[in-house]
Amino acid sequence: MAMIAAFSVSNLKAACPNAPVQSSENVILLHGLCRTSRSMAKMEHALTQAGYTVHNVDYPSRTAHIQKLADDAIGKAIGDCRENGATKIDFVTHSMGGTLVRSYLSRHSVPDLGRVVMLAPPNQGSEVVDKLGGWFFFKWINGPAGNELGTDKNSTPNQLGPAHYPVGIIAGDRSINWINSLTMIPGADDGKVSVERARLAGMSDFKVIHTTHPFVARNNEVIRQTIAFLQTGKFNWHPVP
């Protein structure tokens, strides 16, 4: 039976050239605040087709503070990767998912950590939280973690420090949240986070793509650049043919 199994795996690509094969390099996907793993489904499919083993994590983003969300969701996901035989673990995150990774890595050693790609992360907070965080409706919608994402020096993103791991950041500069963009966020932004506040000290690469906050993880160019960074540690600066 073992010989049959070995034969099946080794000949999978030859027999089914378009079928993805499980890889020892695992990628953990983390969605943003008030989202679900469905928002990362297109990214999951693309990474699987690129040869990665993907763990598209659902976590209850509105129910707890960032530290607990990070420990619960990421701790379990890393355990799942290792049980799956992972020798390298990468992360691709959207919005607050990046803050969860920063929180976790600031307190835990991950020897098998690979690379991290953050999409539209509030690495220096968001002015939207500064303006609306005190409103009951905002708190009810976004839960405890939402109020941690302000721009003041004591906010969670601004207390986590620089990156000490390879991280590429993609920011968007298109908005469908016109009230936020025109009245709350200075400079170029994606409707929730400004381009400048997406930056993180210690980052390996940074790129701005013409996309909006809600749809950044579904953008074809964002997906292409995400794969490029996971493969090489830098974004591809050549235009798409």
Protein backbone atom coordinates (compact mmCIF):
# COMPACT_ATOMS: atom_id res chain seq x y z
CA MET A 1 0.00 0.00 0.00
CA ALA A 2 2.84 2.42 0.83
CA MET A 3 4.43 1.77 -2.56
CA ILE A 4 1.14 2.57 -4.32
CA ALA A 5 0.77 5.81 -2.35
CA ALA A 6 4.33 6.86 -3.17
CA PHE A 7 3.78 6.11 -6.85
CA SER A 8 0.57 8.17 -6.87
CA VAL A 9 2.18 11.27 -5.37
CA SER A 10 5.31 11.15 -7.52
CA ASN A 11 3.30 10.77 -10.70
CA LEU A 12 0.52 13.26 -9.90
CA LYS A 13 1.92 16.07 -12.02
CA ALA A 14 2.56 13.77 -14.97
CA ALA A 15 -0.92 12.28 -14.81
CA CYS A 16 -2.73 15.54 -14.00
CA PRO A 17 -0.50 18.44 -15.06
CA ASN A 18 -3.02 21.07 -13.96
CA ALA A 19 -3.65 19.61 -10.50
CA PRO A 20 -2.09 21.45 -7.53
CA VAL A 21 0.23 19.36 -5.36
CA GLN A 22 0.51 19.76 -1.60
CA SER A 23 3.72 21.64 -0.76
CA SER A 24 5.85 21.72 2.36
CA GLU A 25 5.70 25.52 2.08
CA ASN A 26 2.43 26.49 3.72
CA VAL A 27 0.70 29.87 3.52
CA ILE A 28 -1.69 31.13 6.21
CA LEU A 29 -4.32 33.61 4.98
CA LEU A 30 -5.87 36.02 7.48
CA HIS A 31 -8.83 38.20 6.52
CA GLY A 32 -9.57 41.62 7.95
CA LEU A 33 -12.02 43.07 10.46
CA CYS A 34 -15.69 42.13 9.89
CA ARG A 35 -14.73 39.82 7.03
CA THR A 36 -14.55 36.04 6.59
CA SER A 37 -12.30 33.60 4.78
CA ARG A 38 -14.54 34.01 1.73
CA SER A 39 -12.91 37.39 1.12
CA MET A 40 -9.59 35.56 0.61
CA ALA A 41 -10.99 32.79 -1.61
CA LYS A 42 -9.55 34.14 -4.88
CA MET A 43 -6.13 34.55 -3.26
CA GLU A 44 -6.41 31.02 -1.84
CA HIS A 45 -7.13 29.58 -5.28
CA ALA A 46 -4.24 31.46 -6.93
CA LEU A 47 -1.72 30.43 -4.28
CA THR A 48 -2.86 26.82 -4.45
CA GLN A 49 -2.41 26.86 -8.23
CA ALA A 50 1.06 28.36 -7.69
CA GLY A 51 2.01 25.28 -5.66
CA TYR A 52 1.51 26.36 -2.06
CA THR A 53 -0.43 24.53 0.61
CA VAL A 54 -2.91 27.14 1.81
CA HIS A 55 -4.73 27.53 5.13
CA ASN A 56 -7.49 30.10 4.69
CA VAL A 57 -8.33 30.91 8.31
CA ASP A 58 -11.68 32.08 9.62
CA TYR A 59 -11.57 33.90 12.95
CA PRO A 60 -14.25 35.87 14.85
CA SER A 61 -12.75 39.31 14.31
CA ARG A 62 -15.49 41.21 16.22
CA THR A 63 -15.39 39.18 19.44
CA ALA A 64 -12.09 39.94 21.20
CA HIS A 65 -9.01 42.12 21.42
CA ILE A 66 -6.20 41.77 18.89
CA GLN A 67 -3.83 39.81 21.13
CA LYS A 68 -6.39 37.10 21.87
CA LEU A 69 -7.53 36.92 18.26
CA ALA A 70 -3.90 36.55 17.17
CA ASP A 71 -3.02 33.85 19.70
CA ASP A 72 -6.16 31.83 19.03
CA ALA A 73 -6.21 32.04 15.23
CA ILE A 74 -2.50 32.04 14.41
CA GLY A 75 -1.47 29.58 17.10
CA LYS A 76 -3.94 27.01 15.77
CA ALA A 77 -3.06 27.69 12.13
CA ILE A 78 0.67 27.23 12.76
CA GLY A 79 -0.10 23.97 14.55
CA ASP A 80 -2.14 22.82 11.55
CA CYS A 81 0.72 23.70 9.19
CA ARG A 82 3.24 21.71 11.21
CA GLU A 83 0.89 18.73 11.45
CA ASN A 84 0.67 18.96 7.67
CA GLY A 85 4.46 18.63 7.40
CA ALA A 86 5.24 22.27 6.70
CA THR A 87 8.92 23.19 6.63
CA LYS A 88 8.22 26.87 5.89
CA ILE A 89 5.23 28.98 6.93
CA ASP A 90 4.29 32.22 5.13
CA PHE A 91 1.48 34.68 5.82
CA VAL A 92 -0.73 36.73 3.51
CA THR A 93 -3.00 39.13 5.34
CA HIS A 94 -5.68 41.69 4.62
CA SER A 95 -6.11 44.82 6.75
CA MET A 96 -6.30 43.95 10.48
CA GLY A 97 -5.04 40.45 9.69
CA GLY A 98 -1.63 42.07 9.36
CA THR A 99 -1.92 43.52 12.85
CA LEU A 100 -2.68 40.04 14.19
CA VAL A 101 0.53 38.73 12.61
CA ARG A 102 2.56 41.62 14.01
CA SER A 103 1.06 41.01 17.46
CA TYR A 104 1.77 37.28 17.36
CA LEU A 105 5.33 37.60 16.04
CA SER A 106 6.17 40.28 18.62
CA ARG A 107 5.49 37.73 21.38
CA HIS A 108 6.22 34.32 19.86
CA SER A 109 9.19 32.77 18.09
CA VAL A 110 8.36 31.02 14.82
CA PRO A 111 11.56 29.31 13.63
CA ASP A 112 9.93 28.05 10.43
CA LEU A 113 8.64 31.51 9.46
CA GLY A 114 9.06 32.36 5.80
CA ARG A 115 7.75 35.62 4.32
CA VAL A 116 4.80 37.88 5.09
CA VAL A 117 2.69 39.89 2.64
CA MET A 118 0.35 42.50 4.13
CA LEU A 119 -2.43 43.95 2.00
CA ALA A 120 -3.78 47.37 3.05
CA PRO A 121 -2.57 47.02 6.66
CA PRO A 122 -3.21 49.79 9.22
CA ASN A 123 0.40 49.57 10.40
CA GLN A 124 0.25 53.07 11.85
CA GLY A 125 -3.48 52.97 12.54
CA SER A 126 -6.35 54.64 10.73
CA GLU A 127 -7.83 58.11 11.12
CA VAL A 128 -11.27 56.57 10.63
CA VAL A 129 -10.92 54.96 14.07
CA ASP A 130 -9.76 58.29 15.52
CA LYS A 131 -12.93 59.97 14.25
CA LEU A 132 -15.54 57.25 14.77
CA GLY A 133 -14.11 54.98 17.46
CA GLY A 134 -16.11 56.63 20.24
CA TRP A 135 -19.46 56.07 18.55
CA PHE A 136 -21.63 53.27 19.93
CA PHE A 137 -22.52 52.05 16.45
CA PHE A 138 -18.83 51.79 15.50
CA LYS A 139 -18.08 49.76 18.63
CA TRP A 140 -21.07 47.52 18.03
CA ILE A 141 -20.06 46.82 14.43
CA ASN A 142 -16.32 46.41 14.92
CA GLY A 143 -15.98 44.97 18.42
CA PRO A 144 -13.03 45.41 20.81
CA ALA A 145 -10.32 45.02 18.17
CA GLY A 146 -11.67 47.83 16.01
CA ASN A 147 -11.00 50.44 18.67
CA GLU A 148 -7.36 49.37 18.95
CA LEU A 149 -6.57 50.62 15.45
CA GLY A 150 -6.28 54.37 15.99
CA THR A 151 -3.28 56.50 15.06
CA ASP A 152 -2.21 57.68 18.53
CA LYS A 153 1.11 56.51 19.92
CA ASN A 154 -0.58 54.13 22.37
CA SER A 155 -2.68 52.32 19.77
CA THR A 156 -1.90 48.65 19.23
CA PRO A 157 -0.32 49.06 15.77
CA ASN A 158 1.97 51.79 17.05
CA GLN A 159 3.05 49.74 20.07
CA LEU A 160 4.12 46.64 18.15
CA GLY A 161 7.44 47.96 16.86
CA PRO A 162 9.26 47.33 13.57
CA ALA A 163 9.33 44.13 11.54
CA HIS A 164 12.24 41.76 12.12
CA TYR A 165 11.15 39.36 9.38
CA PRO A 166 10.74 39.63 5.59
CA VAL A 167 7.54 41.57 4.92
CA GLY A 168 6.20 43.10 1.74
CA ILE A 169 3.37 45.61 1.95
CA ILE A 170 0.83 46.52 -0.73
CA ALA A 171 -1.25 49.67 -0.25
CA GLY A 172 -4.23 50.77 -2.33
CA ASP A 173 -4.89 54.32 -3.51
CA ARG A 174 -8.46 54.06 -4.78
CA SER A 175 -11.54 54.60 -2.61
CA ILE A 176 -15.24 53.83 -2.64
CA ASN A 177 -15.60 55.28 0.88
CA TRP A 178 -15.76 58.90 -0.24
CA ILE A 179 -16.78 60.34 3.15
CA ASN A 180 -13.78 58.71 4.81
CA SER A 181 -11.39 59.78 2.07
CA LEU A 182 -12.60 63.38 1.78
CA THR A 183 -13.18 64.20 5.44
CA MET A 184 -11.01 61.92 7.59
CA ILE A 185 -7.95 60.51 5.81
CA PRO A 186 -5.22 62.85 4.53
CA GLY A 187 -3.36 62.01 1.35
CA ALA A 188 -3.79 59.03 -0.93
CA ASP A 189 -5.81 56.22 0.63
CA ASP A 190 -7.96 53.17 -0.07
CA GLY A 191 -11.01 54.38 1.86
CA LYS A 192 -9.88 52.96 5.20
CA VAL A 193 -6.08 53.30 5.43
CA SER A 194 -3.78 55.93 3.98
CA VAL A 195 -0.85 54.88 1.84
CA GLU A 196 1.57 56.40 4.34
CA ARG A 197 0.03 54.67 7.35
CA ALA A 198 0.33 51.29 5.66
CA ARG A 199 4.13 51.57 5.86
CA LEU A 200 6.06 49.69 8.55
CA ALA A 201 9.57 50.23 9.83
CA GLY A 202 11.75 47.30 8.82
CA MET A 203 9.62 46.33 5.81
CA SER A 204 11.44 44.64 2.92
CA ASP A 205 9.42 46.14 0.05
CA PHE A 206 6.44 48.43 -0.49
CA LYS A 207 4.17 48.89 -3.47
CA VAL A 208 1.09 50.98 -4.25
CA ILE A 209 -1.54 49.44 -6.53
CA HIS A 210 -4.67 51.14 -7.86
CA THR A 211 -7.26 49.26 -5.83
CA THR A 212 -9.69 49.80 -2.95
CA HIS A 213 -9.62 48.48 0.61
CA PRO A 214 -12.50 45.97 0.34
CA PHE A 215 -11.27 44.40 -2.91
CA VAL A 216 -7.49 44.48 -2.61
CA ALA A 217 -7.19 40.72 -1.97
CA ARG A 218 -9.15 40.00 -5.16
CA ASN A 219 -7.15 42.29 -7.42
CA ASN A 220 -5.26 40.36 -10.12
CA GLU A 221 -2.15 42.53 -9.92
CA VAL A 222 -2.12 42.30 -6.13
CA ILE A 223 -2.27 38.52 -6.38
CA ARG A 224 0.55 38.48 -8.92
CA GLN A 225 2.72 40.69 -6.72
CA THR A 226 1.91 38.61 -3.63
CA ILE A 227 3.19 35.47 -5.34
CA ALA A 228 6.28 37.33 -6.56
CA PHE A 229 7.15 38.40 -3.00
CA LEU A 230 6.58 34.93 -1.56
CA GLN A 231 8.87 33.48 -4.21
CA THR A 232 11.65 36.08 -4.26
CA GLY A 233 11.32 38.38 -1.23
CA LYS A 234 10.55 41.41 -3.38
CA PHE A 235 7.81 42.74 -5.61
CA ASN A 236 8.06 42.64 -9.39
CA TRP A 237 8.42 46.21 -10.53
CA HIS A 238 8.10 45.44 -14.25
CA PRO A 239 4.69 46.22 -15.75
CA VAL A 240 2.42 43.35 -16.70
CA PRO A 241 2.79 42.62 -20.46
